[in-house]
Amino acid sequence: MTDMTAEDPGAPMLWTPVDIDKLPEPIARVNLFQPTRSRSTSRSSGN
């Protein structure tokens, strides 16, 4: 199992915070600051 992760650097890279650094500040902030908030709003609107 460990070998698979080591061979596939793409999988861990996506989980690492490096992705956030690449994304713009507003987008990364919204995704990290209030990820559930967006969902809550969507649910409220649907109801």
PDB file of N, CA and C in Angstrom:
ATOM      1  N   MET A   1       0.835  -1.206   0.000  1.00  0.00           N
ATOM      2  CA  MET A   1       0.000   0.000   0.000  1.00  0.00           C
ATOM      3  C   MET A   1       0.881   1.272   0.000  1.00  0.00           C
ATOM      4  N   THR A   2       1.937   1.210   0.776  1.00  0.00           N
ATOM      5  CA  THR A   2       2.825   2.386   0.830  1.00  0.00           C
ATOM      6  C   THR A   2       3.520   2.572  -0.506  1.00  0.00           C
ATOM      7  N   ASP A   3       3.860   1.456  -1.155  1.00  0.00           N
ATOM      8  CA  ASP A   3       4.555   1.522  -2.447  1.00  0.00           C
ATOM      9  C   ASP A   3       3.688   2.259  -3.478  1.00  0.00           C
ATOM     10  N   MET A   4       2.415   1.970  -3.471  1.00  0.00           N
ATOM     11  CA  MET A   4       1.500   2.588  -4.433  1.00  0.00           C
ATOM     12  C   MET A   4       1.514   4.125  -4.280  1.00  0.00           C
ATOM     13  N   THR A   5       1.442   4.576  -3.045  1.00  0.00           N
ATOM     14  CA  THR A   5       1.432   6.028  -2.802  1.00  0.00           C
ATOM     15  C   THR A   5       2.741   6.659  -3.280  1.00  0.00           C
ATOM     16  N   ALA A   6       3.848   5.987  -3.013  1.00  0.00           N
ATOM     17  CA  ALA A   6       5.163   6.526  -3.386  1.00  0.00           C
ATOM     18  C   ALA A   6       5.273   6.587  -4.913  1.00  0.00           C
ATOM     19  N   GLU A   7       4.706   5.585  -5.577  1.00  0.00           N
ATOM     20  CA  GLU A   7       4.788   5.558  -7.045  1.00  0.00           C
ATOM     21  C   GLU A   7       3.844   6.597  -7.669  1.00  0.00           C
ATOM     22  N   ASP A   8       2.756   6.905  -6.992  1.00  0.00           N
ATOM     23  CA  ASP A   8       1.770   7.850  -7.528  1.00  0.00           C
ATOM     24  C   ASP A   8       1.866   9.188  -6.784  1.00  0.00           C
ATOM     25  N   PRO A   9       2.778  10.061  -7.203  1.00  0.00           N
ATOM     26  CA  PRO A   9       2.954  11.356  -6.536  1.00  0.00           C
ATOM     27  C   PRO A   9       1.781  12.294  -6.820  1.00  0.00           C
ATOM     28  N   GLY A  10       0.992  11.962  -7.829  1.00  0.00           N
ATOM     29  CA  GLY A  10      -0.150  12.810  -8.182  1.00  0.00           C
ATOM     30  C   GLY A  10      -1.235  12.763  -7.112  1.00  0.00           C
ATOM     31  N   ALA A  11      -1.451  11.594  -6.529  1.00  0.00           N
ATOM     32  CA  ALA A  11      -2.511  11.446  -5.525  1.00  0.00           C
ATOM     33  C   ALA A  11      -2.203  12.291  -4.279  1.00  0.00           C
ATOM     34  N   PRO A  12      -1.049  12.116  -3.664  1.00  0.00           N
ATOM     35  CA  PRO A  12      -0.703  12.867  -2.452  1.00  0.00           C
ATOM     36  C   PRO A  12      -0.572  14.362  -2.738  1.00  0.00           C
ATOM     37  N   MET A  13      -0.116  14.696  -3.931  1.00  0.00           N
ATOM     38  CA  MET A  13       0.059  16.116  -4.282  1.00  0.00           C
ATOM     39  C   MET A  13      -1.272  16.861  -4.194  1.00  0.00           C
ATOM     40  N   LEU A  14      -2.345  16.191  -4.607  1.00  0.00           N
ATOM     41  CA  LEU A  14      -3.663  16.829  -4.595  1.00  0.00           C
ATOM     42  C   LEU A  14      -4.134  17.074  -3.163  1.00  0.00           C
ATOM     43  N   TRP A  15      -3.733  16.173  -2.281  1.00  0.00           N
ATOM     44  CA  TRP A  15      -4.148  16.301  -0.875  1.00  0.00           C
ATOM     45  C   TRP A  15      -3.321  17.346  -0.140  1.00  0.00           C
ATOM     46  N   THR A  16      -2.070  17.544  -0.619  1.00  0.00           N
ATOM     47  CA  THR A  16      -1.162  18.487   0.047  1.00  0.00           C
ATOM     48  C   THR A  16      -1.703  19.918  -0.068  1.00  0.00           C
ATOM     49  N   PRO A  17      -1.256  20.804   0.794  1.00  0.00           N
ATOM     50  CA  PRO A  17      -1.702  22.201   0.771  1.00  0.00           C
ATOM     51  C   PRO A  17      -1.126  22.972  -0.418  1.00  0.00           C
ATOM     52  N   VAL A  18      -0.287  22.316  -1.199  1.00  0.00           N
ATOM     53  CA  VAL A  18       0.326  22.983  -2.361  1.00  0.00           C
ATOM     54  C   VAL A  18      -0.766  23.421  -3.343  1.00  0.00           C
ATOM     55  N   ASP A  19      -1.811  22.593  -3.455  1.00  0.00           N
ATOM     56  CA  ASP A  19      -2.905  22.915  -4.378  1.00  0.00           C
ATOM     57  C   ASP A  19      -3.534  24.260  -4.006  1.00  0.00           C
ATOM     58  N   ILE A  20      -3.705  24.477  -2.717  1.00  0.00           N
ATOM     59  CA  ILE A  20      -4.330  25.718  -2.246  1.00  0.00           C
ATOM     60  C   ILE A  20      -3.469  26.913  -2.631  1.00  0.00           C
ATOM     61  N   ASP A  21      -2.146  26.728  -2.496  1.00  0.00           N
ATOM     62  CA  ASP A  21      -1.223  27.822  -2.814  1.00  0.00           C
ATOM     63  C   ASP A  21      -1.348  28.210  -4.293  1.00  0.00           C
ATOM     64  N   LYS A  22      -1.587  27.217  -5.126  1.00  0.00           N
ATOM     65  CA  LYS A  22      -1.699  27.468  -6.575  1.00  0.00           C
ATOM     66  C   LYS A  22      -3.001  28.212  -6.891  1.00  0.00           C
ATOM     67  N   LEU A  23      -4.039  27.892  -6.144  1.00  0.00           N
ATOM     68  CA  LEU A  23      -5.342  28.527  -6.391  1.00  0.00           C
ATOM     69  C   LEU A  23      -5.314  29.980  -5.919  1.00  0.00           C
ATOM     70  N   PRO A  24      -6.169  30.824  -6.475  1.00  0.00           N
ATOM     71  CA  PRO A  24      -6.236  32.234  -6.071  1.00  0.00           C
ATOM     72  C   PRO A  24      -6.637  32.370  -4.606  1.00  0.00           C
ATOM     73  N   GLU A  25      -6.301  33.491  -4.019  1.00  0.00           N
ATOM     74  CA  GLU A  25      -6.601  33.693  -2.592  1.00  0.00           C
ATOM     75  C   GLU A  25      -8.102  33.638  -2.296  1.00  0.00           C
ATOM     76  N   PRO A  26      -8.930  34.316  -3.069  1.00  0.00           N
ATOM     77  CA  PRO A  26     -10.378  34.315  -2.802  1.00  0.00           C
ATOM     78  C   PRO A  26     -10.974  32.916  -2.888  1.00  0.00           C
ATOM     79  N   ILE A  27     -10.590  32.181  -3.907  1.00  0.00           N
ATOM     80  CA  ILE A  27     -11.145  30.830  -4.082  1.00  0.00           C
ATOM     81  C   ILE A  27     -10.667  29.909  -2.960  1.00  0.00           C
ATOM     82  N   ALA A  28      -9.373  29.932  -2.693  1.00  0.00           N
ATOM     83  CA  ALA A  28      -8.800  29.059  -1.656  1.00  0.00           C
ATOM     84  C   ALA A  28      -9.416  29.422  -0.299  1.00  0.00           C
ATOM     85  N   ARG A  29      -9.598  30.700  -0.057  1.00  0.00           N
ATOM     86  CA  ARG A  29     -10.150  31.144   1.231  1.00  0.00           C
ATOM     87  C   ARG A  29     -11.589  30.642   1.388  1.00  0.00           C
ATOM     88  N   VAL A  30     -12.370  30.797   0.372  1.00  0.00           N
ATOM     89  CA  VAL A  30     -13.777  30.364   0.440  1.00  0.00           C
ATOM     90  C   VAL A  30     -13.851  28.851   0.644  1.00  0.00           C
ATOM     91  N   ASN A  31     -12.976  28.125  -0.049  1.00  0.00           N
ATOM     92  CA  ASN A  31     -12.999  26.662   0.042  1.00  0.00           C
ATOM     93  C   ASN A  31     -12.532  26.201   1.415  1.00  0.00           C
ATOM     94  N   LEU A  32     -11.578  26.939   1.991  1.00  0.00           N
ATOM     95  CA  LEU A  32     -11.020  26.518   3.281  1.00  0.00           C
ATOM     96  C   LEU A  32     -11.790  27.139   4.443  1.00  0.00           C
ATOM     97  N   PHE A  33     -12.231  28.367   4.253  1.00  0.00           N
ATOM     98  CA  PHE A  33     -12.891  29.068   5.351  1.00  0.00           C
ATOM     99  C   PHE A  33     -14.318  28.565   5.584  1.00  0.00           C
ATOM    100  N   GLN A  34     -15.099  28.506   4.514  1.00  0.00           N
ATOM    101  CA  GLN A  34     -16.505  28.085   4.666  1.00  0.00           C
ATOM    102  C   GLN A  34     -16.897  27.107   3.557  1.00  0.00           C
ATOM    103  N   PRO A  35     -16.410  25.873   3.648  1.00  0.00           N
ATOM    104  CA  PRO A  35     -16.749  24.856   2.648  1.00  0.00           C
ATOM    105  C   PRO A  35     -18.176  24.336   2.854  1.00  0.00           C
ATOM    106  N   THR A  36     -18.594  24.281   4.123  1.00  0.00           N
ATOM    107  CA  THR A  36     -19.928  23.763   4.438  1.00  0.00           C
ATOM    108  C   THR A  36     -20.957  24.883   4.263  1.00  0.00           C
ATOM    109  N   ARG A  37     -20.505  26.101   4.435  1.00  0.00           N
ATOM    110  CA  ARG A  37     -21.428  27.246   4.329  1.00  0.00           C
ATOM    111  C   ARG A  37     -22.076  27.242   2.925  1.00  0.00           C
ATOM    112  N   SER A  38     -21.249  27.063   1.904  1.00  0.00           N
ATOM    113  CA  SER A  38     -21.758  27.067   0.521  1.00  0.00           C
ATOM    114  C   SER A  38     -22.850  26.000   0.387  1.00  0.00           C
ATOM    115  N   ARG A  39     -22.614  24.858   0.994  1.00  0.00           N
ATOM    116  CA  ARG A  39     -23.583  23.751   0.890  1.00  0.00           C
ATOM    117  C   ARG A  39     -24.866  24.130   1.641  1.00  0.00           C
ATOM    118  N   SER A  40     -24.706  24.709   2.800  1.00  0.00           N
ATOM    119  CA  SER A  40     -25.867  25.087   3.610  1.00  0.00           C
ATOM    120  C   SER A  40     -26.742  26.076   2.829  1.00  0.00           C
ATOM    121  N   THR A  41     -26.100  27.036   2.192  1.00  0.00           N
ATOM    122  CA  THR A  41     -26.848  28.049   1.431  1.00  0.00           C
ATOM    123  C   THR A  41     -27.615  27.377   0.296  1.00  0.00           C
ATOM    124  N   SER A  42     -26.953  26.461  -0.372  1.00  0.00           N
ATOM    125  CA  SER A  42     -27.581  25.769  -1.509  1.00  0.00           C
ATOM    126  C   SER A  42     -28.825  25.017  -1.017  1.00  0.00           C
ATOM    127  N   ARG A  43     -28.689  24.377   0.125  1.00  0.00           N
ATOM    128  CA  ARG A  43     -29.796  23.584   0.679  1.00  0.00           C
ATOM    129  C   ARG A  43     -30.946  24.524   1.065  1.00  0.00           C
ATOM    130  N   SER A  44     -30.624  25.628   1.693  1.00  0.00           N
ATOM    131  CA  SER A  44     -31.652  26.568   2.127  1.00  0.00           C
ATOM    132  C   SER A  44     -32.409  27.098   0.899  1.00  0.00           C
ATOM    133  N   SER A  45     -31.668  27.418  -0.140  1.00  0.00           N
ATOM    134  CA  SER A  45     -32.282  27.962  -1.364  1.00  0.00           C
ATOM    135  C   SER A  45     -33.234  26.925  -1.962  1.00  0.00           C
ATOM    136  N   GLY A  46     -32.778  25.675  -2.001  1.00  0.00           N
ATOM    137  CA  GLY A  46     -33.605  24.611  -2.580  1.00  0.00           C
ATOM    138  C   GLY A  46     -34.898  24.461  -1.797  1.00  0.00           C
ATOM    139  N   ASN A  47     -34.817  24.570  -0.500  1.00  0.00           N
ATOM    140  CA  ASN A  47     -35.999  24.408   0.339  1.00  0.00           C
ATOM    141  C   ASN A  47     -36.896  25.623   0.131  1.00  0.00           C
TER     142      ASN A  47
END
